PDB file of all heavy atoms in Angstrom:
ATOM      1  N   MET A   1       0.177 -11.427   4.678  1.00  0.00           N
ATOM      2  CA  MET A   1       1.570 -11.811   4.895  1.00  0.00           C
ATOM      3  C   MET A   1       2.522 -10.783   4.292  1.00  0.00           C
ATOM      4  O   MET A   1       3.546 -10.439   4.883  1.00  0.00           O
ATOM      5  CB  MET A   1       1.833 -13.194   4.296  1.00  0.00           C
ATOM      6  CG  MET A   1       3.270 -13.676   4.452  1.00  0.00           C
ATOM      7  SD  MET A   1       3.489 -15.355   3.795  1.00  0.00           S
ATOM      8  CE  MET A   1       5.270 -15.566   3.990  1.00  0.00           C
ATOM      9  N   ASP A   2       2.165 -10.275   3.122  1.00  0.00           N
ATOM     10  CA  ASP A   2       3.043  -9.309   2.457  1.00  0.00           C
ATOM     11  C   ASP A   2       2.945  -7.921   3.074  1.00  0.00           C
ATOM     12  O   ASP A   2       3.888  -7.130   2.969  1.00  0.00           O
ATOM     13  CB  ASP A   2       2.753  -9.275   0.953  1.00  0.00           C
ATOM     14  CG  ASP A   2       3.203 -10.566   0.276  1.00  0.00           C
ATOM     15  OD1 ASP A   2       4.102 -11.234   0.826  1.00  0.00           O
ATOM     16  OD2 ASP A   2       2.648 -10.918  -0.778  1.00  0.00           O
ATOM     17  N   LEU A   3       1.826  -7.607   3.706  1.00  0.00           N
ATOM     18  CA  LEU A   3       1.758  -6.354   4.476  1.00  0.00           C
ATOM     19  C   LEU A   3       2.719  -6.417   5.658  1.00  0.00           C
ATOM     20  O   LEU A   3       3.364  -5.425   6.002  1.00  0.00           O
ATOM     21  CB  LEU A   3       0.333  -6.104   4.966  1.00  0.00           C
ATOM     22  CG  LEU A   3      -0.672  -5.589   3.934  1.00  0.00           C
ATOM     23  CD1 LEU A   3      -2.041  -5.440   4.574  1.00  0.00           C
ATOM     24  CD2 LEU A   3      -0.219  -4.261   3.346  1.00  0.00           C
ATOM     25  N   VAL A   4       2.832  -7.575   6.267  1.00  0.00           N
ATOM     26  CA  VAL A   4       3.816  -7.750   7.344  1.00  0.00           C
ATOM     27  C   VAL A   4       5.224  -7.530   6.789  1.00  0.00           C
ATOM     28  O   VAL A   4       6.070  -6.893   7.426  1.00  0.00           O
ATOM     29  CB  VAL A   4       3.702  -9.155   7.978  1.00  0.00           C
ATOM     30  CG1 VAL A   4       4.813  -9.375   9.013  1.00  0.00           C
ATOM     31  CG2 VAL A   4       2.337  -9.342   8.621  1.00  0.00           C
ATOM     32  N   SER A   5       5.458  -8.019   5.564  1.00  0.00           N
ATOM     33  CA  SER A   5       6.782  -7.900   4.944  1.00  0.00           C
ATOM     34  C   SER A   5       7.103  -6.490   4.469  1.00  0.00           C
ATOM     35  O   SER A   5       8.278  -6.189   4.215  1.00  0.00           O
ATOM     36  CB  SER A   5       6.895  -8.867   3.756  1.00  0.00           C
ATOM     37  OG  SER A   5       6.811 -10.205   4.197  1.00  0.00           O
ATOM     38  N   THR A   6       6.103  -5.636   4.318  1.00  0.00           N
ATOM     39  CA  THR A   6       6.348  -4.264   3.860  1.00  0.00           C
ATOM     40  C   THR A   6       6.105  -3.262   4.987  1.00  0.00           C
ATOM     41  O   THR A   6       7.045  -2.658   5.506  1.00  0.00           O
ATOM     42  CB  THR A   6       5.466  -3.938   2.643  1.00  0.00           C
ATOM     43  OG1 THR A   6       4.098  -4.261   2.921  1.00  0.00           O
ATOM     44  CG2 THR A   6       5.927  -4.698   1.417  1.00  0.00           C
ATOM     45  N   VAL A   7       4.860  -3.126   5.405  1.00  0.00           N
ATOM     46  CA  VAL A   7       4.521  -2.191   6.485  1.00  0.00           C
ATOM     47  C   VAL A   7       5.189  -2.621   7.793  1.00  0.00           C
ATOM     48  O   VAL A   7       5.827  -1.833   8.490  1.00  0.00           O
ATOM     49  CB  VAL A   7       2.992  -2.089   6.669  1.00  0.00           C
ATOM     50  CG1 VAL A   7       2.653  -1.150   7.818  1.00  0.00           C
ATOM     51  CG2 VAL A   7       2.321  -1.623   5.379  1.00  0.00           C
ATOM     52  N   GLY A   8       5.042  -3.903   8.136  1.00  0.00           N
ATOM     53  CA  GLY A   8       5.583  -4.412   9.386  1.00  0.00           C
ATOM     54  C   GLY A   8       7.088  -4.318   9.463  1.00  0.00           C
ATOM     55  O   GLY A   8       7.647  -3.917  10.496  1.00  0.00           O
ATOM     56  N   GLU A   9       7.767  -4.684   8.390  1.00  0.00           N
ATOM     57  CA  GLU A   9       9.240  -4.596   8.354  1.00  0.00           C
ATOM     58  C   GLU A   9       9.695  -3.149   8.521  1.00  0.00           C
ATOM     59  O   GLU A   9      10.620  -2.859   9.278  1.00  0.00           O
ATOM     60  CB  GLU A   9       9.783  -5.155   7.035  1.00  0.00           C
ATOM     61  CG  GLU A   9       9.854  -6.659   6.954  1.00  0.00           C
ATOM     62  CD  GLU A   9      10.957  -7.255   7.837  1.00  0.00           C
ATOM     63  OE1 GLU A   9      11.962  -6.574   8.084  1.00  0.00           O
ATOM     64  OE2 GLU A   9      10.792  -8.408   8.277  1.00  0.00           O
ATOM     65  N   SER A  10       9.067  -2.237   7.799  1.00  0.00           N
ATOM     66  CA  SER A  10       9.474  -0.825   7.833  1.00  0.00           C
ATOM     67  C   SER A  10       9.366  -0.259   9.245  1.00  0.00           C
ATOM     68  O   SER A  10      10.264   0.441   9.723  1.00  0.00           O
ATOM     69  CB  SER A  10       8.611  -0.008   6.864  1.00  0.00           C
ATOM     70  OG  SER A  10       8.773  -0.476   5.540  1.00  0.00           O
ATOM     71  N   ALA A  11       8.266  -0.580   9.934  1.00  0.00           N
ATOM     72  CA  ALA A  11       8.071  -0.072  11.292  1.00  0.00           C
ATOM     73  C   ALA A  11       9.078  -0.678  12.257  1.00  0.00           C
ATOM     74  O   ALA A  11       9.667   0.022  13.089  1.00  0.00           O
ATOM     75  CB  ALA A  11       6.650  -0.358  11.759  1.00  0.00           C
ATOM     76  N   ALA A  12       9.294  -1.984  12.160  1.00  0.00           N
ATOM     77  CA  ALA A  12      10.188  -2.670  13.097  1.00  0.00           C
ATOM     78  C   ALA A  12      11.641  -2.237  12.934  1.00  0.00           C
ATOM     79  O   ALA A  12      12.411  -2.234  13.898  1.00  0.00           O
ATOM     80  CB  ALA A  12      10.078  -4.184  12.913  1.00  0.00           C
ATOM     81  N   LEU A  13      12.022  -1.851  11.719  1.00  0.00           N
ATOM     82  CA  LEU A  13      13.410  -1.447  11.455  1.00  0.00           C
ATOM     83  C   LEU A  13      13.702  -0.017  11.907  1.00  0.00           C
ATOM     84  O   LEU A  13      14.857   0.364  12.040  1.00  0.00           O
ATOM     85  CB  LEU A  13      13.713  -1.592   9.965  1.00  0.00           C
ATOM     86  CG  LEU A  13      13.832  -3.034   9.465  1.00  0.00           C
ATOM     87  CD1 LEU A  13      13.763  -3.078   7.945  1.00  0.00           C
ATOM     88  CD2 LEU A  13      15.126  -3.673   9.949  1.00  0.00           C
ATOM     89  N   GLY A  14      12.653   0.785  12.094  1.00  0.00           N
ATOM     90  CA  GLY A  14      12.864   2.155  12.553  1.00  0.00           C
ATOM     91  C   GLY A  14      12.587   3.223  11.524  1.00  0.00           C
ATOM     92  O   GLY A  14      13.009   4.373  11.696  1.00  0.00           O
ATOM     93  N   ALA A  15      11.854   2.875  10.448  1.00  0.00           N
ATOM     94  CA  ALA A  15      11.455   3.899   9.479  1.00  0.00           C
ATOM     95  C   ALA A  15      10.443   4.835  10.129  1.00  0.00           C
ATOM     96  O   ALA A  15       9.735   4.462  11.069  1.00  0.00           O
ATOM     97  CB  ALA A  15      10.857   3.257   8.231  1.00  0.00           C
ATOM     98  N   SER A  16      10.365   6.068   9.623  1.00  0.00           N
ATOM     99  CA  SER A  16       9.414   7.039  10.163  1.00  0.00           C
ATOM    100  C   SER A  16       8.012   6.836   9.618  1.00  0.00           C
ATOM    101  O   SER A  16       7.048   7.347  10.186  1.00  0.00           O
ATOM    102  CB  SER A  16       9.882   8.460   9.836  1.00  0.00           C
ATOM    103  OG  SER A  16      11.078   8.744  10.526  1.00  0.00           O
ATOM    104  N   GLY A  17       7.902   6.117   8.505  1.00  0.00           N
ATOM    105  CA  GLY A  17       6.578   5.897   7.958  1.00  0.00           C
ATOM    106  C   GLY A  17       6.630   5.160   6.641  1.00  0.00           C
ATOM    107  O   GLY A  17       7.699   4.860   6.103  1.00  0.00           O
ATOM    108  N   ILE A  18       5.448   4.863   6.136  1.00  0.00           N
ATOM    109  CA  ILE A  18       5.322   4.211   4.841  1.00  0.00           C
ATOM    110  C   ILE A  18       4.366   5.030   3.981  1.00  0.00           C
ATOM    111  O   ILE A  18       3.373   5.571   4.479  1.00  0.00           O
ATOM    112  CB  ILE A  18       4.838   2.756   4.990  1.00  0.00           C
ATOM    113  CG1 ILE A  18       5.056   1.988   3.687  1.00  0.00           C
ATOM    114  CG2 ILE A  18       3.401   2.675   5.462  1.00  0.00           C
ATOM    115  CD1 ILE A  18       5.248   0.502   3.878  1.00  0.00           C
ATOM    116  N   VAL A  19       4.696   5.174   2.705  1.00  0.00           N
ATOM    117  CA  VAL A  19       3.870   5.911   1.749  1.00  0.00           C
ATOM    118  C   VAL A  19       3.260   4.897   0.790  1.00  0.00           C
ATOM    119  O   VAL A  19       3.979   4.188   0.087  1.00  0.00           O
ATOM    120  CB  VAL A  19       4.708   6.944   0.958  1.00  0.00           C
ATOM    121  CG1 VAL A  19       3.823   7.701  -0.041  1.00  0.00           C
ATOM    122  CG2 VAL A  19       5.419   7.903   1.895  1.00  0.00           C
ATOM    123  N   MET A  20       1.942   4.814   0.781  1.00  0.00           N
ATOM    124  CA  MET A  20       1.257   3.885  -0.128  1.00  0.00           C
ATOM    125  C   MET A  20       0.900   4.642  -1.407  1.00  0.00           C
ATOM    126  O   MET A  20      -0.040   5.445  -1.428  1.00  0.00           O
ATOM    127  CB  MET A  20       0.011   3.319   0.540  1.00  0.00           C
ATOM    128  CG  MET A  20       0.292   2.544   1.827  1.00  0.00           C
ATOM    129  SD  MET A  20       1.491   1.181   1.652  1.00  0.00           S
ATOM    130  CE  MET A  20       0.545  -0.007   0.722  1.00  0.00           C
ATOM    131  N   TRP A  21       1.661   4.359  -2.447  1.00  0.00           N
ATOM    132  CA  TRP A  21       1.547   5.106  -3.709  1.00  0.00           C
ATOM    133  C   TRP A  21       0.640   4.372  -4.691  1.00  0.00           C
ATOM    134  O   TRP A  21       0.508   3.153  -4.665  1.00  0.00           O
ATOM    135  CB  TRP A  21       2.934   5.299  -4.319  1.00  0.00           C
ATOM    136  CG  TRP A  21       2.933   6.066  -5.611  1.00  0.00           C
ATOM    137  CD1 TRP A  21       2.990   7.417  -5.759  1.00  0.00           C
ATOM    138  CD2 TRP A  21       2.857   5.514  -6.936  1.00  0.00           C
ATOM    139  NE1 TRP A  21       2.963   7.745  -7.102  1.00  0.00           N
ATOM    140  CE2 TRP A  21       2.873   6.600  -7.850  1.00  0.00           C
ATOM    141  CE3 TRP A  21       2.779   4.213  -7.441  1.00  0.00           C
ATOM    142  CZ2 TRP A  21       2.822   6.415  -9.219  1.00  0.00           C
ATOM    143  CZ3 TRP A  21       2.713   4.026  -8.813  1.00  0.00           C
ATOM    144  CH2 TRP A  21       2.735   5.130  -9.691  1.00  0.00           C
ATOM    145  N   GLY A  22       0.023   5.138  -5.570  1.00  0.00           N
ATOM    146  CA  GLY A  22      -0.761   4.551  -6.646  1.00  0.00           C
ATOM    147  C   GLY A  22      -0.728   5.445  -7.865  1.00  0.00           C
ATOM    148  O   GLY A  22      -0.583   6.668  -7.756  1.00  0.00           O
ATOM    149  N   GLY A  23      -0.851   4.845  -9.052  1.00  0.00           N
ATOM    150  CA  GLY A  23      -0.837   5.594 -10.307  1.00  0.00           C
ATOM    151  C   GLY A  23      -2.237   5.880 -10.816  1.00  0.00           C
ATOM    152  O   GLY A  23      -3.239   5.400 -10.263  1.00  0.00           O
ATOM    153  N   THR A  24      -2.312   6.651 -11.882  1.00  0.00           N
ATOM    154  CA  THR A  24      -3.614   7.061 -12.427  1.00  0.00           C
ATOM    155  C   THR A  24      -4.421   5.879 -12.966  1.00  0.00           C
ATOM    156  O   THR A  24      -5.648   5.932 -13.027  1.00  0.00           O
ATOM    157  CB  THR A  24      -3.414   8.085 -13.558  1.00  0.00           C
ATOM    158  OG1 THR A  24      -2.501   7.543 -14.528  1.00  0.00           O
ATOM    159  CG2 THR A  24      -2.857   9.392 -13.020  1.00  0.00           C
ATOM    160  N   LYS A  25      -3.755   4.804 -13.348  1.00  0.00           N
ATOM    161  CA  LYS A  25      -4.462   3.644 -13.921  1.00  0.00           C
ATOM    162  C   LYS A  25      -4.904   2.641 -12.854  1.00  0.00           C
ATOM    163  O   LYS A  25      -5.607   1.676 -13.167  1.00  0.00           O
ATOM    164  CB  LYS A  25      -3.557   2.936 -14.926  1.00  0.00           C
ATOM    165  CG  LYS A  25      -3.216   3.773 -16.153  1.00  0.00           C
ATOM    166  CD  LYS A  25      -2.306   3.009 -17.097  1.00  0.00           C
ATOM    167  CE  LYS A  25      -1.926   3.854 -18.311  1.00  0.00           C
ATOM    168  NZ  LYS A  25      -0.998   3.125 -19.227  1.00  0.00           N
ATOM    169  N   ASP A  26      -4.493   2.857 -11.610  1.00  0.00           N
ATOM    170  CA  ASP A  26      -4.775   1.861 -10.574  1.00  0.00           C
ATOM    171  C   ASP A  26      -6.239   1.823 -10.153  1.00  0.00           C
ATOM    172  O   ASP A  26      -6.800   0.753  -9.910  1.00  0.00           O
ATOM    173  CB  ASP A  26      -3.899   2.118  -9.343  1.00  0.00           C
ATOM    174  CG  ASP A  26      -2.436   1.787  -9.597  1.00  0.00           C
ATOM    175  OD1 ASP A  26      -2.152   1.104 -10.605  1.00  0.00           O
ATOM    176  OD2 ASP A  26      -1.577   2.217  -8.801  1.00  0.00           O
ATOM    177  N   TYR A  27      -6.840   3.007 -10.012  1.00  0.00           N
ATOM    178  CA  TYR A  27      -8.208   3.077  -9.470  1.00  0.00           C
ATOM    179  C   TYR A  27      -9.045   4.007 -10.348  1.00  0.00           C
ATOM    180  O   TYR A  27      -9.500   5.061  -9.912  1.00  0.00           O
ATOM    181  CB  TYR A  27      -8.177   3.581  -8.023  1.00  0.00           C
ATOM    182  CG  TYR A  27      -7.101   2.905  -7.186  1.00  0.00           C
ATOM    183  CD1 TYR A  27      -5.993   3.620  -6.727  1.00  0.00           C
ATOM    184  CD2 TYR A  27      -7.175   1.547  -6.888  1.00  0.00           C
ATOM    185  CE1 TYR A  27      -4.996   2.998  -5.994  1.00  0.00           C
ATOM    186  CE2 TYR A  27      -6.178   0.912  -6.155  1.00  0.00           C
ATOM    187  CZ  TYR A  27      -5.090   1.648  -5.704  1.00  0.00           C
ATOM    188  OH  TYR A  27      -4.100   1.025  -4.988  1.00  0.00           O
ATOM    189  N   ASN A  28      -9.245   3.622 -11.603  1.00  0.00           N
ATOM    190  CA  ASN A  28      -9.920   4.510 -12.551  1.00  0.00           C
ATOM    191  C   ASN A  28     -11.226   3.936 -13.101  1.00  0.00           C
ATOM    192  O   ASN A  28     -11.739   4.386 -14.108  1.00  0.00           O
ATOM    193  CB  ASN A  28      -8.981   4.866 -13.712  1.00  0.00           C
ATOM    194  CG  ASN A  28      -8.581   3.645 -14.529  1.00  0.00           C
ATOM    195  OD1 ASN A  28      -8.942   2.519 -14.186  1.00  0.00           O
ATOM    196  ND2 ASN A  28      -7.832   3.861 -15.596  1.00  0.00           N
ATOM    197  N   ASN A  29     -11.766   2.916 -12.426  1.00  0.00           N
ATOM    198  CA  ASN A  29     -13.056   2.378 -12.852  1.00  0.00           C
ATOM    199  C   ASN A  29     -13.787   1.808 -11.637  1.00  0.00           C
ATOM    200  O   ASN A  29     -13.218   1.677 -10.554  1.00  0.00           O
ATOM    201  CB  ASN A  29     -12.891   1.314 -13.947  1.00  0.00           C
ATOM    202  CG  ASN A  29     -12.034   0.147 -13.474  1.00  0.00           C
ATOM    203  OD1 ASN A  29     -12.423  -0.607 -12.579  1.00  0.00           O
ATOM    204  ND2 ASN A  29     -10.850  -0.010 -14.070  1.00  0.00           N
ATOM    205  N   LYS A  30     -15.048   1.467 -11.813  1.00  0.00           N
ATOM    206  CA  LYS A  30     -15.896   1.037 -10.702  1.00  0.00           C
ATOM    207  C   LYS A  30     -15.357  -0.221 -10.028  1.00  0.00           C
ATOM    208  O   LYS A  30     -15.295  -0.304  -8.789  1.00  0.00           O
ATOM    209  CB  LYS A  30     -17.317   0.800 -11.203  1.00  0.00           C
ATOM    210  CG  LYS A  30     -18.308   0.495 -10.087  1.00  0.00           C
ATOM    211  CD  LYS A  30     -19.720   0.370 -10.636  1.00  0.00           C
ATOM    212  CE  LYS A  30     -20.712   0.096  -9.494  1.00  0.00           C
ATOM    213  NZ  LYS A  30     -22.100  -0.040 -10.024  1.00  0.00           N
ATOM    214  N   ALA A  31     -14.954  -1.198 -10.809  1.00  0.00           N
ATOM    215  CA  ALA A  31     -14.465  -2.459 -10.246  1.00  0.00           C
ATOM    216  C   ALA A  31     -13.217  -2.237  -9.403  1.00  0.00           C
ATOM    217  O   ALA A  31     -13.080  -2.794  -8.304  1.00  0.00           O
ATOM    218  CB  ALA A  31     -14.185  -3.462 -11.361  1.00  0.00           C
ATOM    219  N   ALA A  32     -12.285  -1.416  -9.913  1.00  0.00           N
ATOM    220  CA  ALA A  32     -11.038  -1.153  -9.190  1.00  0.00           C
ATOM    221  C   ALA A  32     -11.306  -0.401  -7.893  1.00  0.00           C
ATOM    222  O   ALA A  32     -10.700  -0.687  -6.850  1.00  0.00           O
ATOM    223  CB  ALA A  32     -10.078  -0.358 -10.077  1.00  0.00           C
ATOM    224  N   CYS A  33     -12.226   0.553  -7.943  1.00  0.00           N
ATOM    225  CA  CYS A  33     -12.557   1.331  -6.750  1.00  0.00           C
ATOM    226  C   CYS A  33     -13.248   0.466  -5.694  1.00  0.00           C
ATOM    227  O   CYS A  33     -12.973   0.584  -4.496  1.00  0.00           O
ATOM    228  CB  CYS A  33     -13.441   2.521  -7.113  1.00  0.00           C
ATOM    229  SG  CYS A  33     -12.574   3.820  -8.031  1.00  0.00           S
ATOM    230  N   GLN A  34     -14.138  -0.397  -6.117  1.00  0.00           N
ATOM    231  CA  GLN A  34     -14.812  -1.282  -5.178  1.00  0.00           C
ATOM    232  C   GLN A  34     -13.827  -2.253  -4.539  1.00  0.00           C
ATOM    233  O   GLN A  34     -13.894  -2.526  -3.336  1.00  0.00           O
ATOM    234  CB  GLN A  34     -15.936  -2.051  -5.886  1.00  0.00           C
ATOM    235  CG  GLN A  34     -17.158  -1.194  -6.187  1.00  0.00           C
ATOM    236  CD  GLN A  34     -18.250  -1.952  -6.925  1.00  0.00           C
ATOM    237  OE1 GLN A  34     -17.978  -2.914  -7.641  1.00  0.00           O
ATOM    238  NE2 GLN A  34     -19.490  -1.507  -6.753  1.00  0.00           N
ATOM    239  N   ALA A  35     -12.901  -2.758  -5.350  1.00  0.00           N
ATOM    240  CA  ALA A  35     -11.893  -3.682  -4.825  1.00  0.00           C
ATOM    241  C   ALA A  35     -11.005  -2.981  -3.797  1.00  0.00           C
ATOM    242  O   ALA A  35     -10.677  -3.545  -2.749  1.00  0.00           O
ATOM    243  CB  ALA A  35     -11.041  -4.235  -5.969  1.00  0.00           C
ATOM    244  N   LEU A  36     -10.631  -1.734  -4.090  1.00  0.00           N
ATOM    245  CA  LEU A  36      -9.814  -0.968  -3.145  1.00  0.00           C
ATOM    246  C   LEU A  36     -10.580  -0.707  -1.856  1.00  0.00           C
ATOM    247  O   LEU A  36     -10.037  -0.849  -0.748  1.00  0.00           O
ATOM    248  CB  LEU A  36      -9.386   0.363  -3.772  1.00  0.00           C
ATOM    249  CG  LEU A  36      -8.639   1.335  -2.846  1.00  0.00           C
ATOM    250  CD1 LEU A  36      -7.328   0.728  -2.345  1.00  0.00           C
ATOM    251  CD2 LEU A  36      -8.389   2.667  -3.555  1.00  0.00           C
TER     252      LEU A  36
END
């Protein structure tokens, strides 16, 4: 539902794209990488 509210909204409004950002602490261990 929230992807519709972010990615979907941006596309429907006329944005050129969406950038999915992440920090160094987001995916720095096995559990986080598997979840991603």
